[in-house]
């Protein structure tokens, strides 16, 4: 586990993804369910609750993660 707590470990893995996605869209990653993280339990992370988001470019393209 990277971090002293499960929350720190989750942040350590999610923050780089958030930073990368901010290059292409203004929308943010969110943790689904908002449960308190527990070591060894997978947690879904989604961009805009899986609804397509507009890209920062002047195109009609949308992106889903």
Protein backbone atom coordinates (compact mmCIF):
# COMPACT_ATOMS: atom_id res chain seq x y z
CA UNK A 1 0.00 0.00 0.00
CA UNK A 2 1.34 3.43 -0.92
CA UNK A 3 0.42 5.77 1.92
CA UNK A 4 -0.09 5.42 5.65
CA UNK A 5 -3.86 4.98 5.32
CA UNK A 6 -6.25 3.59 2.73
CA UNK A 7 -7.38 7.18 1.98
CA UNK A 8 -3.80 8.26 1.27
CA UNK A 9 -3.23 5.24 -0.97
CA UNK A 10 -6.40 5.98 -2.93
CA UNK A 11 -5.39 9.63 -3.38
CA UNK A 12 -1.88 8.57 -4.43
CA UNK A 13 -3.30 6.47 -7.28
CA UNK A 14 -6.17 8.75 -8.36
CA UNK A 15 -4.45 12.18 -8.33
CA UNK A 16 -2.16 11.44 -11.32
CA UNK A 17 -5.20 10.33 -13.33
CA UNK A 18 -7.04 13.53 -12.39
CA UNK A 19 -4.09 15.65 -13.48
CA UNK A 20 -3.83 13.91 -16.85
CA UNK A 21 -7.56 14.16 -17.55
CA UNK A 22 -7.52 17.89 -16.75
CA UNK A 23 -5.38 18.30 -19.90
CA UNK A 24 -8.27 17.19 -22.11
CA UNK A 25 -11.46 18.03 -20.18
CA UNK A 26 -12.69 20.27 -17.37
CA UNK A 27 -14.71 17.47 -15.76
CA UNK A 28 -13.36 15.60 -12.71
CA UNK A 29 -12.93 11.99 -11.64
CA UNK A 30 -15.17 10.94 -8.78
CA UNK A 31 -15.18 7.95 -6.47
CA UNK A 32 -18.40 6.03 -6.88
CA UNK A 33 -20.40 5.36 -3.72
CA UNK A 34 -18.25 7.58 -1.47
CA UNK A 35 -17.48 4.64 0.86
CA UNK A 36 -14.54 4.87 3.22
CA UNK A 37 -11.66 3.03 1.50
CA UNK A 38 -10.63 -0.33 2.91
CA UNK A 39 -7.36 -2.01 1.94
CA UNK A 40 -7.88 -4.83 -0.57
CA UNK A 41 -11.34 -3.69 -1.70
CA UNK A 42 -11.67 -2.36 -5.28
CA UNK A 43 -13.43 1.00 -5.71
CA UNK A 44 -14.86 2.27 -8.99
CA UNK A 45 -13.66 5.67 -10.13
CA UNK A 46 -15.50 7.40 -12.99
CA UNK A 47 -15.29 10.58 -14.99
CA UNK A 48 -18.57 12.52 -14.70
CA UNK A 49 -20.46 9.41 -13.52
CA UNK A 50 -19.67 7.73 -16.87
CA UNK A 51 -21.58 10.36 -18.84
CA UNK A 52 -19.63 11.56 -21.90
CA UNK A 53 -17.77 14.83 -21.32
CA UNK A 54 -16.77 17.47 -23.87
CA UNK A 55 -13.10 17.70 -24.74
CA UNK A 56 -11.22 20.99 -24.32
CA UNK A 57 -10.72 21.26 -28.10
CA UNK A 58 -13.12 22.98 -30.47
CA UNK A 59 -14.53 19.69 -31.71
CA UNK A 60 -17.85 17.95 -31.15
CA UNK A 61 -16.02 14.95 -29.62
CA UNK A 62 -16.97 13.61 -26.20
CA UNK A 63 -15.00 11.28 -23.95
CA UNK A 64 -15.99 8.61 -21.38
CA UNK A 65 -13.75 7.00 -18.73
